[in-house]
């Protein structure tokens, strides 16, 4: 049997879903173009990566290093 807390949770979740949908609707629909060469090391970025990750600017090695650096300083 549903009680008032369940109804409140459903209402809050509905509002969150609406807010997320509204925010996503405002995001630009443009597709970013990937770079042919890495910004960091100037090595070629493989076509598979460019297609899988639109807008990528780093090769896999440099992206992994950047992710590790970001994770280290996120704390």
PDB file of N, CA and C in Angstrom:
ATOM      1  N   UNK A   1       0.851  -1.179   0.000  1.00  0.00           N
ATOM      2  CA  UNK A   1       0.000   0.000   0.000  1.00  0.00           C
ATOM      3  C   UNK A   1       0.897   1.244   0.000  1.00  0.00           C
ATOM      4  N   UNK A   2       0.649   2.135  -0.910  1.00  0.00           N
ATOM      5  CA  UNK A   2       1.453   3.346  -1.033  1.00  0.00           C
ATOM      6  C   UNK A   2       1.068   4.345   0.044  1.00  0.00           C
ATOM      7  N   UNK A   3       2.089   4.966   0.604  1.00  0.00           N
ATOM      8  CA  UNK A   3       1.826   5.992   1.602  1.00  0.00           C
ATOM      9  C   UNK A   3       2.280   7.352   1.066  1.00  0.00           C
ATOM     10  N   UNK A   4       2.204   8.359   1.901  1.00  0.00           N
ATOM     11  CA  UNK A   4       2.503   9.722   1.458  1.00  0.00           C
ATOM     12  C   UNK A   4       3.972   9.882   1.067  1.00  0.00           C
ATOM     13  N   UNK A   5       4.862   9.134   1.708  1.00  0.00           N
ATOM     14  CA  UNK A   5       6.281   9.211   1.357  1.00  0.00           C
ATOM     15  C   UNK A   5       6.516   8.674  -0.049  1.00  0.00           C
ATOM     16  N   UNK A   6       5.817   7.610  -0.413  1.00  0.00           N
ATOM     17  CA  UNK A   6       5.952   7.073  -1.771  1.00  0.00           C
ATOM     18  C   UNK A   6       5.475   8.080  -2.815  1.00  0.00           C
ATOM     19  N   UNK A   7       4.369   8.729  -2.530  1.00  0.00           N
ATOM     20  CA  UNK A   7       3.858   9.745  -3.452  1.00  0.00           C
ATOM     21  C   UNK A   7       4.839  10.911  -3.566  1.00  0.00           C
ATOM     22  N   UNK A   8       5.421  11.309  -2.445  1.00  0.00           N
ATOM     23  CA  UNK A   8       6.395  12.407  -2.457  1.00  0.00           C
ATOM     24  C   UNK A   8       7.630  12.012  -3.265  1.00  0.00           C
ATOM     25  N   UNK A   9       8.106  10.791  -3.074  1.00  0.00           N
ATOM     26  CA  UNK A   9       9.267  10.317  -3.832  1.00  0.00           C
ATOM     27  C   UNK A   9       8.966  10.284  -5.324  1.00  0.00           C
ATOM     28  N   UNK A  10       7.777   9.827  -5.686  1.00  0.00           N
ATOM     29  CA  UNK A  10       7.392   9.793  -7.099  1.00  0.00           C
ATOM     30  C   UNK A  10       7.345  11.198  -7.688  1.00  0.00           C
ATOM     31  N   UNK A  11       6.819  12.148  -6.925  1.00  0.00           N
ATOM     32  CA  UNK A  11       6.729  13.530  -7.392  1.00  0.00           C
ATOM     33  C   UNK A  11       8.123  14.126  -7.574  1.00  0.00           C
ATOM     34  N   UNK A  12       8.999  13.888  -6.617  1.00  0.00           N
ATOM     35  CA  UNK A  12      10.361  14.406  -6.720  1.00  0.00           C
ATOM     36  C   UNK A  12      11.073  13.797  -7.924  1.00  0.00           C
ATOM     37  N   UNK A  13      10.919  12.493  -8.122  1.00  0.00           N
ATOM     38  CA  UNK A  13      11.565  11.837  -9.260  1.00  0.00           C
ATOM     39  C   UNK A  13      11.025  12.376 -10.577  1.00  0.00           C
ATOM     40  N   UNK A  14       9.736  12.638 -10.639  1.00  0.00           N
ATOM     41  CA  UNK A  14       9.139  13.206 -11.845  1.00  0.00           C
ATOM     42  C   UNK A  14       9.713  14.587 -12.140  1.00  0.00           C
ATOM     43  N   UNK A  15       9.873  15.398 -11.109  1.00  0.00           N
ATOM     44  CA  UNK A  15      10.444  16.738 -11.286  1.00  0.00           C
ATOM     45  C   UNK A  15      11.905  16.664 -11.718  1.00  0.00           C
ATOM     46  N   UNK A  16      12.649  15.726 -11.156  1.00  0.00           N
ATOM     47  CA  UNK A  16      14.048  15.547 -11.553  1.00  0.00           C
ATOM     48  C   UNK A  16      14.127  15.137 -13.018  1.00  0.00           C
ATOM     49  N   UNK A  17      13.274  14.191 -13.410  1.00  0.00           N
ATOM     50  CA  UNK A  17      13.243  13.744 -14.803  1.00  0.00           C
ATOM     51  C   UNK A  17      12.903  14.895 -15.742  1.00  0.00           C
ATOM     52  N   UNK A  18      11.972  15.739 -15.346  1.00  0.00           N
ATOM     53  CA  UNK A  18      11.596  16.886 -16.172  1.00  0.00           C
ATOM     54  C   UNK A  18      12.759  17.873 -16.282  1.00  0.00           C
ATOM     55  N   UNK A  19      13.454  18.108 -15.177  1.00  0.00           N
ATOM     56  CA  UNK A  19      14.584  19.043 -15.186  1.00  0.00           C
ATOM     57  C   UNK A  19      15.711  18.523 -16.065  1.00  0.00           C
ATOM     58  N   UNK A  20      15.994  17.236 -15.978  1.00  0.00           N
ATOM     59  CA  UNK A  20      17.043  16.647 -16.811  1.00  0.00           C
ATOM     60  C   UNK A  20      16.652  16.721 -18.284  1.00  0.00           C
ATOM     61  N   UNK A  21      15.414  16.414 -18.593  1.00  0.00           N
ATOM     62  CA  UNK A  21      14.954  16.485 -19.984  1.00  0.00           C
ATOM     63  C   UNK A  21      15.044  17.917 -20.512  1.00  0.00           C
ATOM     64  N   UNK A  22      14.691  18.888 -19.699  1.00  0.00           N
ATOM     65  CA  UNK A  22      14.766  20.282 -20.122  1.00  0.00           C
ATOM     66  C   UNK A  22      16.215  20.694 -20.358  1.00  0.00           C
ATOM     67  N   UNK A  23      17.103  20.239 -19.500  1.00  0.00           N
ATOM     68  CA  UNK A  23      18.521  20.572 -19.638  1.00  0.00           C
ATOM     69  C   UNK A  23      19.108  19.931 -20.899  1.00  0.00           C
ATOM     70  N   UNK A  24      18.738  18.691 -21.151  1.00  0.00           N
ATOM     71  CA  UNK A  24      19.224  18.011 -22.349  1.00  0.00           C
ATOM     72  C   UNK A  24      18.690  18.658 -23.622  1.00  0.00           C
ATOM     73  N   UNK A  25      17.474  19.186 -23.548  1.00  0.00           N
ATOM     74  CA  UNK A  25      16.895  19.851 -24.710  1.00  0.00           C
ATOM     75  C   UNK A  25      17.644  21.134 -25.056  1.00  0.00           C
ATOM     76  N   UNK A  26      18.278  21.753 -24.071  1.00  0.00           N
ATOM     77  CA  UNK A  26      19.016  22.993 -24.295  1.00  0.00           C
ATOM     78  C   UNK A  26      20.418  22.764 -24.835  1.00  0.00           C
ATOM     79  N   UNK A  27      20.905  21.546 -24.733  1.00  0.00           N
ATOM     80  CA  UNK A  27      22.256  21.252 -25.191  1.00  0.00           C
ATOM     81  C   UNK A  27      22.311  21.348 -26.709  1.00  0.00           C
ATOM     82  N   UNK A  28      23.416  21.834 -27.220  1.00  0.00           N
ATOM     83  CA  UNK A  28      23.528  21.969 -28.679  1.00  0.00           C
ATOM     84  C   UNK A  28      23.504  20.609 -29.362  1.00  0.00           C
ATOM     85  N   UNK A  29      22.888  20.580 -30.508  1.00  0.00           N
ATOM     86  CA  UNK A  29      22.756  19.345 -31.263  1.00  0.00           C
ATOM     87  C   UNK A  29      23.885  19.174 -32.276  1.00  0.00           C
ATOM     88  N   UNK A  30      24.826  20.093 -32.287  1.00  0.00           N
ATOM     89  CA  UNK A  30      25.910  20.017 -33.257  1.00  0.00           C
ATOM     90  C   UNK A  30      26.845  18.866 -32.917  1.00  0.00           C
ATOM     91  N   UNK A  31      27.350  18.260 -33.949  1.00  0.00           N
ATOM     92  CA  UNK A  31      28.308  17.171 -33.777  1.00  0.00           C
ATOM     93  C   UNK A  31      29.703  17.776 -33.857  1.00  0.00           C
ATOM     94  N   UNK A  32      30.488  17.511 -32.850  1.00  0.00           N
ATOM     95  CA  UNK A  32      31.847  18.032 -32.835  1.00  0.00           C
ATOM     96  C   UNK A  32      32.731  17.195 -33.754  1.00  0.00           C
ATOM     97  N   UNK A  33      33.643  17.845 -34.403  1.00  0.00           N
ATOM     98  CA  UNK A  33      34.573  17.148 -35.280  1.00  0.00           C
ATOM     99  C   UNK A  33      35.817  16.767 -34.489  1.00  0.00           C
ATOM    100  N   UNK A  34      36.256  15.562 -34.683  1.00  0.00           N
ATOM    101  CA  UNK A  34      37.463  15.086 -34.027  1.00  0.00           C
ATOM    102  C   UNK A  34      38.689  15.573 -34.793  1.00  0.00           C
ATOM    103  N   UNK A  35      39.768  15.737 -34.058  1.00  0.00           N
ATOM    104  CA  UNK A  35      41.019  16.129 -34.696  1.00  0.00           C
ATOM    105  C   UNK A  35      41.691  14.916 -35.327  1.00  0.00           C
ATOM    106  N   UNK A  36      42.457  15.154 -36.351  1.00  0.00           N
ATOM    107  CA  UNK A  36      43.206  14.077 -37.008  1.00  0.00           C
ATOM    108  C   UNK A  36      44.472  13.732 -36.218  1.00  0.00           C
ATOM    109  N   UNK A  37      45.025  14.745 -35.518  1.00  0.00           N
ATOM    110  CA  UNK A  37      46.261  14.562 -34.774  1.00  0.00           C
ATOM    111  C   UNK A  37      46.071  15.030 -33.333  1.00  0.00           C
ATOM    112  N   UNK A  38      46.721  14.348 -32.420  1.00  0.00           N
ATOM    113  CA  UNK A  38      46.606  14.619 -30.992  1.00  0.00           C
ATOM    114  C   UNK A  38      47.137  16.011 -30.651  1.00  0.00           C
ATOM    115  N   UNK A  39      46.458  16.714 -29.789  1.00  0.00           N
ATOM    116  CA  UNK A  39      46.891  18.036 -29.328  1.00  0.00           C
ATOM    117  C   UNK A  39      48.170  17.959 -28.493  1.00  0.00           C
ATOM    118  N   UNK A  40      48.368  16.864 -27.800  1.00  0.00           N
ATOM    119  CA  UNK A  40      49.504  16.737 -26.890  1.00  0.00           C
ATOM    120  C   UNK A  40      50.771  16.249 -27.595  1.00  0.00           C
ATOM    121  N   UNK A  41      50.660  15.127 -28.293  1.00  0.00           N
ATOM    122  CA  UNK A  41      51.869  14.475 -28.831  1.00  0.00           C
ATOM    123  C   UNK A  41      51.973  14.536 -30.359  1.00  0.00           C
ATOM    124  N   UNK A  42      50.982  15.070 -31.027  1.00  0.00           N
ATOM    125  CA  UNK A  42      50.950  15.193 -32.493  1.00  0.00           C
ATOM    126  C   UNK A  42      50.940  13.860 -33.240  1.00  0.00           C
ATOM    127  N   UNK A  43      50.654  12.760 -32.540  1.00  0.00           N
ATOM    128  CA  UNK A  43      50.481  11.474 -33.223  1.00  0.00           C
ATOM    129  C   UNK A  43      49.093  11.432 -33.842  1.00  0.00           C
ATOM    130  N   UNK A  44      48.947  10.613 -34.872  1.00  0.00           N
ATOM    131  CA  UNK A  44      47.656  10.478 -35.536  1.00  0.00           C
ATOM    132  C   UNK A  44      46.649   9.806 -34.604  1.00  0.00           C
ATOM    133  N   UNK A  45      45.426  10.311 -34.613  1.00  0.00           N
ATOM    134  CA  UNK A  45      44.335   9.698 -33.845  1.00  0.00           C
ATOM    135  C   UNK A  45      43.650   8.707 -34.772  1.00  0.00           C
ATOM    136  N   UNK A  46      43.562   7.433 -34.372  1.00  0.00           N
ATOM    137  CA  UNK A  46      42.950   6.428 -35.252  1.00  0.00           C
ATOM    138  C   UNK A  46      41.508   6.783 -35.623  1.00  0.00           C
ATOM    139  N   UNK A  47      41.127   6.407 -36.835  1.00  0.00           N
ATOM    140  CA  UNK A  47      39.787   6.721 -37.323  1.00  0.00           C
ATOM    141  C   UNK A  47      38.704   6.107 -36.441  1.00  0.00           C
ATOM    142  N   UNK A  48      38.949   4.898 -35.937  1.00  0.00           N
ATOM    143  CA  UNK A  48      37.963   4.241 -35.079  1.00  0.00           C
ATOM    144  C   UNK A  48      37.680   5.080 -33.831  1.00  0.00           C
ATOM    145  N   UNK A  49      38.723   5.676 -33.252  1.00  0.00           N
ATOM    146  CA  UNK A  49      38.529   6.527 -32.072  1.00  0.00           C
ATOM    147  C   UNK A  49      37.769   7.797 -32.438  1.00  0.00           C
ATOM    148  N   UNK A  50      38.114   8.382 -33.571  1.00  0.00           N
ATOM    149  CA  UNK A  50      37.429   9.614 -33.993  1.00  0.00           C
ATOM    150  C   UNK A  50      35.952   9.373 -34.229  1.00  0.00           C
ATOM    151  N   UNK A  51      35.606   8.193 -34.760  1.00  0.00           N
ATOM    152  CA  UNK A  51      34.203   7.877 -35.007  1.00  0.00           C
ATOM    153  C   UNK A  51      33.471   7.507 -33.720  1.00  0.00           C
ATOM    154  N   UNK A  52      34.162   6.803 -32.824  1.00  0.00           N
ATOM    155  CA  UNK A  52      33.528   6.359 -31.582  1.00  0.00           C
ATOM    156  C   UNK A  52      33.379   7.498 -30.579  1.00  0.00           C
ATOM    157  N   UNK A  53      34.302   8.461 -30.612  1.00  0.00           N
ATOM    158  CA  UNK A  53      34.297   9.565 -29.654  1.00  0.00           C
ATOM    159  C   UNK A  53      34.327  10.884 -30.414  1.00  0.00           C
ATOM    160  N   UNK A  54      33.171  11.335 -30.925  1.00  0.00           N
ATOM    161  CA  UNK A  54      33.150  12.593 -31.678  1.00  0.00           C
ATOM    162  C   UNK A  54      33.673  13.752 -30.829  1.00  0.00           C
ATOM    163  N   UNK A  55      34.512  14.566 -31.429  1.00  0.00           N
ATOM    164  CA  UNK A  55      35.054  15.718 -30.734  1.00  0.00           C
ATOM    165  C   UNK A  55      36.326  15.431 -29.969  1.00  0.00           C
ATOM    166  N   UNK A  56      36.906  14.251 -30.138  1.00  0.00           N
ATOM    167  CA  UNK A  56      38.122  13.935 -29.381  1.00  0.00           C
ATOM    168  C   UNK A  56      39.290  14.768 -29.913  1.00  0.00           C
ATOM    169  N   UNK A  57      40.158  15.176 -28.999  1.00  0.00           N
ATOM    170  CA  UNK A  57      41.318  15.977 -29.358  1.00  0.00           C
ATOM    171  C   UNK A  57      42.622  15.309 -28.944  1.00  0.00           C
ATOM    172  N   UNK A  58      42.512  14.195 -28.210  1.00  0.00           N
ATOM    173  CA  UNK A  58      43.695  13.496 -27.729  1.00  0.00           C
ATOM    174  C   UNK A  58      43.686  12.050 -28.201  1.00  0.00           C
ATOM    175  N   UNK A  59      44.886  11.487 -28.394  1.00  0.00           N
ATOM    176  CA  UNK A  59      44.989  10.065 -28.713  1.00  0.00           C
ATOM    177  C   UNK A  59      44.672   9.268 -27.455  1.00  0.00           C
ATOM    178  N   UNK A  60      44.589   7.961 -27.588  1.00  0.00           N
ATOM    179  CA  UNK A  60      44.207   7.111 -26.464  1.00  0.00           C
ATOM    180  C   UNK A  60      45.210   7.225 -25.322  1.00  0.00           C
ATOM    181  N   UNK A  61      46.495   7.224 -25.627  1.00  0.00           N
ATOM    182  CA  UNK A  61      47.537   7.281 -24.605  1.00  0.00           C
ATOM    183  C   UNK A  61      47.464   8.605 -23.836  1.00  0.00           C
ATOM    184  N   UNK A  62      47.378   9.706 -24.563  1.00  0.00           N
ATOM    185  CA  UNK A  62      47.312  11.022 -23.916  1.00  0.00           C
ATOM    186  C   UNK A  62      46.005  11.201 -23.143  1.00  0.00           C
ATOM    187  N   UNK A  63      44.896  10.652 -23.668  1.00  0.00           N
ATOM    188  CA  UNK A  63      43.617  10.739 -22.971  1.00  0.00           C
ATOM    189  C   UNK A  63      43.677   9.966 -21.663  1.00  0.00           C
ATOM    190  N   UNK A  64      44.305   8.787 -21.672  1.00  0.00           N
ATOM    191  CA  UNK A  64      44.445   7.996 -20.445  1.00  0.00           C
ATOM    192  C   UNK A  64      45.273   8.756 -19.417  1.00  0.00           C
ATOM    193  N   UNK A  65      46.359   9.381 -19.858  1.00  0.00           N
ATOM    194  CA  UNK A  65      47.190  10.166 -18.945  1.00  0.00           C
ATOM    195  C   UNK A  65      46.412  11.359 -18.395  1.00  0.00           C
ATOM    196  N   UNK A  66      45.643  12.008 -19.246  1.00  0.00           N
ATOM    197  CA  UNK A  66      44.826  13.145 -18.816  1.00  0.00           C
ATOM    198  C   UNK A  66      43.760  12.712 -17.815  1.00  0.00           C
ATOM    199  N   UNK A  67      43.143  11.558 -18.053  1.00  0.00           N
ATOM    200  CA  UNK A  67      42.135  11.039 -17.118  1.00  0.00           C
ATOM    201  C   UNK A  67      42.754  10.714 -15.769  1.00  0.00           C
ATOM    202  N   UNK A  68      43.943  10.118 -15.785  1.00  0.00           N
ATOM    203  CA  UNK A  68      44.630   9.799 -14.526  1.00  0.00           C
ATOM    204  C   UNK A  68      44.990  11.076 -13.775  1.00  0.00           C
ATOM    205  N   UNK A  69      45.456  12.079 -14.499  1.00  0.00           N
ATOM    206  CA  UNK A  69      45.811  13.356 -13.895  1.00  0.00           C
ATOM    207  C   UNK A  69      44.579  14.011 -13.276  1.00  0.00           C
ATOM    208  N   UNK A  70      43.465  13.979 -14.007  1.00  0.00           N
ATOM    209  CA  UNK A  70      42.220  14.580 -13.504  1.00  0.00           C
ATOM    210  C   UNK A  70      41.717  13.831 -12.276  1.00  0.00           C
ATOM    211  N   UNK A  71      41.835  12.508 -12.287  1.00  0.00           N
ATOM    212  CA  UNK A  71      41.378  11.720 -11.144  1.00  0.00           C
ATOM    213  C   UNK A  71      42.231  11.991  -9.923  1.00  0.00           C
ATOM    214  N   UNK A  72      43.511  12.186 -10.123  1.00  0.00           N
ATOM    215  CA  UNK A  72      44.413  12.451  -9.005  1.00  0.00           C
ATOM    216  C   UNK A  72      44.071  13.771  -8.325  1.00  0.00           C
ATOM    217  N   UNK A  73      43.729  14.795  -9.106  1.00  0.00           N
ATOM    218  CA  UNK A  73      43.459  16.118  -8.548  1.00  0.00           C
ATOM    219  C   UNK A  73      41.995  16.340  -8.211  1.00  0.00           C
ATOM    220  N   UNK A  74      41.143  15.370  -8.481  1.00  0.00           N
ATOM    221  CA  UNK A  74      39.720  15.518  -8.193  1.00  0.00           C
ATOM    222  C   UNK A  74      39.411  15.350  -6.716  1.00  0.00           C
ATOM    223  N   UNK A  75      40.330  14.799  -5.985  1.00  0.00           N
ATOM    224  CA  UNK A  75      40.088  14.539  -4.567  1.00  0.00           C
ATOM    225  C   UNK A  75      40.113  15.769  -3.737  1.00  0.00           C
TER     226      UNK A  75
END
